[in-house]
Amino acid sequence: MLKYKIDVLAALKDLGYTSYRIRQEKLIGEAQMQKIRNGEIASKETLNKICELLQCQPGDFLVYEPEENY
């Protein structure tokens, strides 16, 4: 299961991309922002935008952890 290994929204905020700015500049849609807030993996397009804004690779903020099967 893919998970975020950092707080993506906090990392964006550190670079000046507040929620307000993201909405105003239409960088990431509100539905995708809510997914990120809830720890759900965003769409491929949103992940591309996060990489662009953070100037990083997906592996810098995503990690794969196998699900526990009980």
PDB file of N, CA and C in Angstrom:
ATOM      1  N   MET A   1       0.842  -1.162   0.000  1.00  0.00           N
ATOM      2  CA  MET A   1       0.000   0.000   0.000  1.00  0.00           C
ATOM      3  C   MET A   1       0.899   1.242   0.000  1.00  0.00           C
ATOM      4  N   LEU A   2       0.606   2.157  -0.883  1.00  0.00           N
ATOM      5  CA  LEU A   2       1.365   3.417  -0.932  1.00  0.00           C
ATOM      6  C   LEU A   2       0.908   4.340   0.188  1.00  0.00           C
ATOM      7  N   LYS A   3       1.889   4.999   0.805  1.00  0.00           N
ATOM      8  CA  LYS A   3       1.605   5.959   1.869  1.00  0.00           C
ATOM      9  C   LYS A   3       2.529   7.148   1.694  1.00  0.00           C
ATOM     10  N   TYR A   4       2.105   8.272   2.240  1.00  0.00           N
ATOM     11  CA  TYR A   4       2.964   9.452   2.260  1.00  0.00           C
ATOM     12  C   TYR A   4       3.960   9.295   3.397  1.00  0.00           C
ATOM     13  N   LYS A   5       5.225   9.569   3.125  1.00  0.00           N
ATOM     14  CA  LYS A   5       6.204   9.503   4.203  1.00  0.00           C
ATOM     15  C   LYS A   5       6.527  10.875   4.773  1.00  0.00           C
ATOM     16  N   ILE A   6       5.968  11.916   4.176  1.00  0.00           N
ATOM     17  CA  ILE A   6       6.081  13.266   4.723  1.00  0.00           C
ATOM     18  C   ILE A   6       4.699  13.903   4.698  1.00  0.00           C
ATOM     19  N   ASP A   7       4.553  15.002   5.407  1.00  0.00           N
ATOM     20  CA  ASP A   7       3.326  15.789   5.337  1.00  0.00           C
ATOM     21  C   ASP A   7       3.447  16.677   4.101  1.00  0.00           C
ATOM     22  N   VAL A   8       2.838  16.241   3.019  1.00  0.00           N
ATOM     23  CA  VAL A   8       2.970  16.918   1.728  1.00  0.00           C
ATOM     24  C   VAL A   8       2.495  18.368   1.808  1.00  0.00           C
ATOM     25  N   LEU A   9       1.361  18.591   2.439  1.00  0.00           N
ATOM     26  CA  LEU A   9       0.827  19.953   2.510  1.00  0.00           C
ATOM     27  C   LEU A   9       1.734  20.858   3.336  1.00  0.00           C
ATOM     28  N   ALA A  10       2.342  20.335   4.395  1.00  0.00           N
ATOM     29  CA  ALA A  10       3.283  21.123   5.197  1.00  0.00           C
ATOM     30  C   ALA A  10       4.530  21.441   4.377  1.00  0.00           C
ATOM     31  N   ALA A  11       4.998  20.466   3.586  1.00  0.00           N
ATOM     32  CA  ALA A  11       6.174  20.695   2.739  1.00  0.00           C
ATOM     33  C   ALA A  11       5.875  21.769   1.700  1.00  0.00           C
ATOM     34  N   LEU A  12       4.679  21.735   1.124  1.00  0.00           N
ATOM     35  CA  LEU A  12       4.290  22.763   0.164  1.00  0.00           C
ATOM     36  C   LEU A  12       4.192  24.125   0.849  1.00  0.00           C
ATOM     37  N   LYS A  13       3.622  24.143   2.052  1.00  0.00           N
ATOM     38  CA  LYS A  13       3.477  25.397   2.790  1.00  0.00           C
ATOM     39  C   LYS A  13       4.845  26.004   3.100  1.00  0.00           C
ATOM     40  N   ASP A  14       5.814  25.146   3.427  1.00  0.00           N
ATOM     41  CA  ASP A  14       7.174  25.631   3.706  1.00  0.00           C
ATOM     42  C   ASP A  14       7.771  26.354   2.499  1.00  0.00           C
ATOM     43  N   LEU A  15       7.307  25.994   1.311  1.00  0.00           N
ATOM     44  CA  LEU A  15       7.793  26.628   0.082  1.00  0.00           C
ATOM     45  C   LEU A  15       6.900  27.786  -0.361  1.00  0.00           C
ATOM     46  N   GLY A  16       5.924  28.136   0.477  1.00  0.00           N
ATOM     47  CA  GLY A  16       5.060  29.270   0.167  1.00  0.00           C
ATOM     48  C   GLY A  16       3.761  28.895  -0.515  1.00  0.00           C
ATOM     49  N   TYR A  17       3.506  27.607  -0.684  1.00  0.00           N
ATOM     50  CA  TYR A  17       2.268  27.164  -1.316  1.00  0.00           C
ATOM     51  C   TYR A  17       1.231  26.857  -0.249  1.00  0.00           C
ATOM     52  N   THR A  18       0.581  27.904   0.266  1.00  0.00           N
ATOM     53  CA  THR A  18      -0.483  27.723   1.251  1.00  0.00           C
ATOM     54  C   THR A  18      -1.705  27.129   0.560  1.00  0.00           C
ATOM     55  N   SER A  19      -2.624  26.611   1.359  1.00  0.00           N
ATOM     56  CA  SER A  19      -3.872  26.078   0.793  1.00  0.00           C
ATOM     57  C   SER A  19      -4.582  27.147  -0.029  1.00  0.00           C
ATOM     58  N   TYR A  20      -4.568  28.369   0.471  1.00  0.00           N
ATOM     59  CA  TYR A  20      -5.208  29.477  -0.239  1.00  0.00           C
ATOM     60  C   TYR A  20      -4.550  29.682  -1.605  1.00  0.00           C
ATOM     61  N   ARG A  21      -3.239  29.746  -1.619  1.00  0.00           N
ATOM     62  CA  ARG A  21      -2.522  29.965  -2.882  1.00  0.00           C
ATOM     63  C   ARG A  21      -2.760  28.812  -3.857  1.00  0.00           C
ATOM     64  N   ILE A  22      -2.741  27.595  -3.346  1.00  0.00           N
ATOM     65  CA  ILE A  22      -2.974  26.423  -4.201  1.00  0.00           C
ATOM     66  C   ILE A  22      -4.349  26.503  -4.848  1.00  0.00           C
ATOM     67  N   ARG A  23      -5.349  26.903  -4.064  1.00  0.00           N
ATOM     68  CA  ARG A  23      -6.711  27.049  -4.615  1.00  0.00           C
ATOM     69  C   ARG A  23      -6.785  28.200  -5.599  1.00  0.00           C
ATOM     70  N   GLN A  24      -6.235  29.358  -5.232  1.00  0.00           N
ATOM     71  CA  GLN A  24      -6.293  30.542  -6.087  1.00  0.00           C
ATOM     72  C   GLN A  24      -5.608  30.308  -7.433  1.00  0.00           C
ATOM     73  N   GLU A  25      -4.461  29.658  -7.412  1.00  0.00           N
ATOM     74  CA  GLU A  25      -3.713  29.411  -8.646  1.00  0.00           C
ATOM     75  C   GLU A  25      -4.137  28.113  -9.339  1.00  0.00           C
ATOM     76  N   LYS A  26      -5.129  27.434  -8.748  1.00  0.00           N
ATOM     77  CA  LYS A  26      -5.677  26.193  -9.301  1.00  0.00           C
ATOM     78  C   LYS A  26      -4.575  25.181  -9.600  1.00  0.00           C
ATOM     79  N   LEU A  27      -3.666  25.021  -8.634  1.00  0.00           N
ATOM     80  CA  LEU A  27      -2.559  24.081  -8.790  1.00  0.00           C
ATOM     81  C   LEU A  27      -3.005  22.650  -8.505  1.00  0.00           C
ATOM     82  N   ILE A  28      -3.835  22.491  -7.474  1.00  0.00           N
ATOM     83  CA  ILE A  28      -4.370  21.187  -7.078  1.00  0.00           C
ATOM     84  C   ILE A  28      -5.829  21.401  -6.704  1.00  0.00           C
ATOM     85  N   GLY A  29      -6.705  20.553  -7.211  1.00  0.00           N
ATOM     86  CA  GLY A  29      -8.131  20.676  -6.924  1.00  0.00           C
ATOM     87  C   GLY A  29      -8.451  20.364  -5.471  1.00  0.00           C
ATOM     88  N   GLU A  30      -9.574  20.896  -5.006  1.00  0.00           N
ATOM     89  CA  GLU A  30      -9.965  20.716  -3.604  1.00  0.00           C
ATOM     90  C   GLU A  30     -10.189  19.244  -3.261  1.00  0.00           C
ATOM     91  N   ALA A  31     -10.764  18.471  -4.172  1.00  0.00           N
ATOM     92  CA  ALA A  31     -10.990  17.043  -3.904  1.00  0.00           C
ATOM     93  C   ALA A  31      -9.655  16.320  -3.701  1.00  0.00           C
ATOM     94  N   GLN A  32      -8.667  16.675  -4.500  1.00  0.00           N
ATOM     95  CA  GLN A  32      -7.346  16.054  -4.362  1.00  0.00           C
ATOM     96  C   GLN A  32      -6.660  16.527  -3.080  1.00  0.00           C
ATOM     97  N   MET A  33      -6.847  17.786  -2.722  1.00  0.00           N
ATOM     98  CA  MET A  33      -6.300  18.302  -1.469  1.00  0.00           C
ATOM     99  C   MET A  33      -6.887  17.537  -0.281  1.00  0.00           C
ATOM    100  N   GLN A  34      -8.175  17.252  -0.345  1.00  0.00           N
ATOM    101  CA  GLN A  34      -8.836  16.522   0.736  1.00  0.00           C
ATOM    102  C   GLN A  34      -8.293  15.096   0.820  1.00  0.00           C
ATOM    103  N   LYS A  35      -8.050  14.472  -0.324  1.00  0.00           N
ATOM    104  CA  LYS A  35      -7.453  13.135  -0.320  1.00  0.00           C
ATOM    105  C   LYS A  35      -6.100  13.156   0.378  1.00  0.00           C
ATOM    106  N   ILE A  36      -5.282  14.144   0.061  1.00  0.00           N
ATOM    107  CA  ILE A  36      -3.960  14.253   0.681  1.00  0.00           C
ATOM    108  C   ILE A  36      -4.104  14.452   2.188  1.00  0.00           C
ATOM    109  N   ARG A  37      -5.022  15.315   2.592  1.00  0.00           N
ATOM    110  CA  ARG A  37      -5.257  15.549   4.027  1.00  0.00           C
ATOM    111  C   ARG A  37      -5.640  14.257   4.746  1.00  0.00           C
ATOM    112  N   ASN A  38      -6.404  13.407   4.064  1.00  0.00           N
ATOM    113  CA  ASN A  38      -6.878  12.155   4.654  1.00  0.00           C
ATOM    114  C   ASN A  38      -5.871  11.016   4.522  1.00  0.00           C
ATOM    115  N   GLY A  39      -4.718  11.289   3.935  1.00  0.00           N
ATOM    116  CA  GLY A  39      -3.706  10.256   3.786  1.00  0.00           C
ATOM    117  C   GLY A  39      -3.937   9.338   2.598  1.00  0.00           C
ATOM    118  N   GLU A  40      -4.913   9.668   1.765  1.00  0.00           N
ATOM    119  CA  GLU A  40      -5.181   8.877   0.569  1.00  0.00           C
ATOM    120  C   GLU A  40      -4.254   9.341  -0.549  1.00  0.00           C
ATOM    121  N   ILE A  41      -3.910   8.443  -1.437  1.00  0.00           N
ATOM    122  CA  ILE A  41      -3.019   8.783  -2.538  1.00  0.00           C
ATOM    123  C   ILE A  41      -3.806   9.557  -3.594  1.00  0.00           C
ATOM    124  N   ALA A  42      -3.259  10.675  -3.984  1.00  0.00           N
ATOM    125  CA  ALA A  42      -3.894  11.552  -4.970  1.00  0.00           C
ATOM    126  C   ALA A  42      -3.734  10.977  -6.380  1.00  0.00           C
ATOM    127  N   SER A  43      -4.364  11.613  -7.337  1.00  0.00           N
ATOM    128  CA  SER A  43      -4.297  11.184  -8.734  1.00  0.00           C
ATOM    129  C   SER A  43      -2.882  11.340  -9.283  1.00  0.00           C
ATOM    130  N   LYS A  44      -2.641  10.669 -10.390  1.00  0.00           N
ATOM    131  CA  LYS A  44      -1.333  10.749 -11.047  1.00  0.00           C
ATOM    132  C   LYS A  44      -1.005  12.189 -11.412  1.00  0.00           C
ATOM    133  N   GLU A  45      -1.976  12.930 -11.890  1.00  0.00           N
ATOM    134  CA  GLU A  45      -1.760  14.315 -12.270  1.00  0.00           C
ATOM    135  C   GLU A  45      -1.361  15.159 -11.058  1.00  0.00           C
ATOM    136  N   THR A  46      -2.010  14.909  -9.930  1.00  0.00           N
ATOM    137  CA  THR A  46      -1.682  15.644  -8.711  1.00  0.00           C
ATOM    138  C   THR A  46      -0.297  15.264  -8.213  1.00  0.00           C
ATOM    139  N   LEU A  47       0.043  13.984  -8.272  1.00  0.00           N
ATOM    140  CA  LEU A  47       1.387  13.556  -7.874  1.00  0.00           C
ATOM    141  C   LEU A  47       2.443  14.214  -8.761  1.00  0.00           C
ATOM    142  N   ASN A  48       2.156  14.329 -10.055  1.00  0.00           N
ATOM    143  CA  ASN A  48       3.061  15.037 -10.966  1.00  0.00           C
ATOM    144  C   ASN A  48       3.236  16.492 -10.528  1.00  0.00           C
ATOM    145  N   LYS A  49       2.134  17.142 -10.161  1.00  0.00           N
ATOM    146  CA  LYS A  49       2.182  18.548  -9.738  1.00  0.00           C
ATOM    147  C   LYS A  49       2.966  18.689  -8.430  1.00  0.00           C
ATOM    148  N   ILE A  50       2.777  17.756  -7.502  1.00  0.00           N
ATOM    149  CA  ILE A  50       3.528  17.789  -6.245  1.00  0.00           C
ATOM    150  C   ILE A  50       5.024  17.673  -6.535  1.00  0.00           C
ATOM    151  N   CYS A  51       5.403  16.758  -7.428  1.00  0.00           N
ATOM    152  CA  CYS A  51       6.818  16.613  -7.803  1.00  0.00           C
ATOM    153  C   CYS A  51       7.354  17.915  -8.390  1.00  0.00           C
ATOM    154  N   GLU A  52       6.559  18.540  -9.227  1.00  0.00           N
ATOM    155  CA  GLU A  52       6.965  19.804  -9.845  1.00  0.00           C
ATOM    156  C   GLU A  52       7.158  20.897  -8.798  1.00  0.00           C
ATOM    157  N   LEU A  53       6.189  21.044  -7.906  1.00  0.00           N
ATOM    158  CA  LEU A  53       6.241  22.111  -6.915  1.00  0.00           C
ATOM    159  C   LEU A  53       7.345  21.884  -5.879  1.00  0.00           C
ATOM    160  N   LEU A  54       7.513  20.638  -5.455  1.00  0.00           N
ATOM    161  CA  LEU A  54       8.535  20.325  -4.454  1.00  0.00           C
ATOM    162  C   LEU A  54       9.908  20.083  -5.079  1.00  0.00           C
ATOM    163  N   GLN A  55       9.939  20.010  -6.412  1.00  0.00           N
ATOM    164  CA  GLN A  55      11.168  19.709  -7.148  1.00  0.00           C
ATOM    165  C   GLN A  55      11.815  18.438  -6.595  1.00  0.00           C
ATOM    166  N   CYS A  56      11.031  17.345  -6.655  1.00  0.00           N
ATOM    167  CA  CYS A  56      11.491  16.077  -6.102  1.00  0.00           C
ATOM    168  C   CYS A  56      10.969  14.917  -6.941  1.00  0.00           C
ATOM    169  N   GLN A  57      11.311  13.723  -6.539  1.00  0.00           N
ATOM    170  CA  GLN A  57      10.838  12.491  -7.161  1.00  0.00           C
ATOM    171  C   GLN A  57       9.741  11.890  -6.275  1.00  0.00           C
ATOM    172  N   PRO A  58       8.851  11.058  -6.840  1.00  0.00           N
ATOM    173  CA  PRO A  58       7.790  10.458  -6.034  1.00  0.00           C
ATOM    174  C   PRO A  58       8.315   9.702  -4.807  1.00  0.00           C
ATOM    175  N   GLY A  59       9.452   9.053  -4.949  1.00  0.00           N
ATOM    176  CA  GLY A  59      10.033   8.315  -3.836  1.00  0.00           C
ATOM    177  C   GLY A  59      10.472   9.198  -2.683  1.00  0.00           C
ATOM    178  N   ASP A  60      10.551  10.503  -2.918  1.00  0.00           N
ATOM    179  CA  ASP A  60      10.914  11.428  -1.849  1.00  0.00           C
ATOM    180  C   ASP A  60       9.758  11.658  -0.871  1.00  0.00           C
ATOM    181  N   PHE A  61       8.517  11.397  -1.325  1.00  0.00           N
ATOM    182  CA  PHE A  61       7.384  11.623  -0.432  1.00  0.00           C
ATOM    183  C   PHE A  61       6.402  10.455  -0.356  1.00  0.00           C
ATOM    184  N   LEU A  62       6.648   9.401  -1.150  1.00  0.00           N
ATOM    185  CA  LEU A  62       5.808   8.203  -1.108  1.00  0.00           C
ATOM    186  C   LEU A  62       6.648   6.997  -0.706  1.00  0.00           C
ATOM    187  N   VAL A  63       6.008   6.066  -0.031  1.00  0.00           N
ATOM    188  CA  VAL A  63       6.667   4.813   0.340  1.00  0.00           C
ATOM    189  C   VAL A  63       5.646   3.684   0.175  1.00  0.00           C
ATOM    190  N   TYR A  64       6.147   2.514  -0.226  1.00  0.00           N
ATOM    191  CA  TYR A  64       5.282   1.339  -0.333  1.00  0.00           C
ATOM    192  C   TYR A  64       5.477   0.479   0.904  1.00  0.00           C
ATOM    193  N   GLU A  65       4.388   0.165   1.575  1.00  0.00           N
ATOM    194  CA  GLU A  65       4.416  -0.736   2.717  1.00  0.00           C
ATOM    195  C   GLU A  65       3.379  -1.823   2.469  1.00  0.00           C
ATOM    196  N   PRO A  66       3.823  -3.077   2.478  1.00  0.00           N
ATOM    197  CA  PRO A  66       2.867  -4.178   2.255  1.00  0.00           C
ATOM    198  C   PRO A  66       1.765  -4.169   3.327  1.00  0.00           C
ATOM    199  N   GLU A  67       0.576  -4.517   2.899  1.00  0.00           N
ATOM    200  CA  GLU A  67      -0.540  -4.597   3.843  1.00  0.00           C
ATOM    201  C   GLU A  67      -0.399  -5.865   4.666  1.00  0.00           C
ATOM    202  N   GLU A  68      -0.776  -5.765   5.926  1.00  0.00           N
ATOM    203  CA  GLU A  68      -0.775  -6.921   6.810  1.00  0.00           C
ATOM    204  C   GLU A  68      -2.041  -7.728   6.539  1.00  0.00           C
ATOM    205  N   ASN A  69      -1.871  -8.994   6.229  1.00  0.00           N
ATOM    206  CA  ASN A  69      -3.028  -9.878   6.021  1.00  0.00           C
ATOM    207  C   ASN A  69      -3.179 -10.780   7.232  1.00  0.00           C
ATOM    208  N   TYR A  70      -4.249 -10.601   7.969  1.00  0.00           N
ATOM    209  CA  TYR A  70      -4.478 -11.413   9.167  1.00  0.00           C
ATOM    210  C   TYR A  70      -5.503 -12.465   8.896  1.00  0.00           C
TER     211      TYR A  70
END
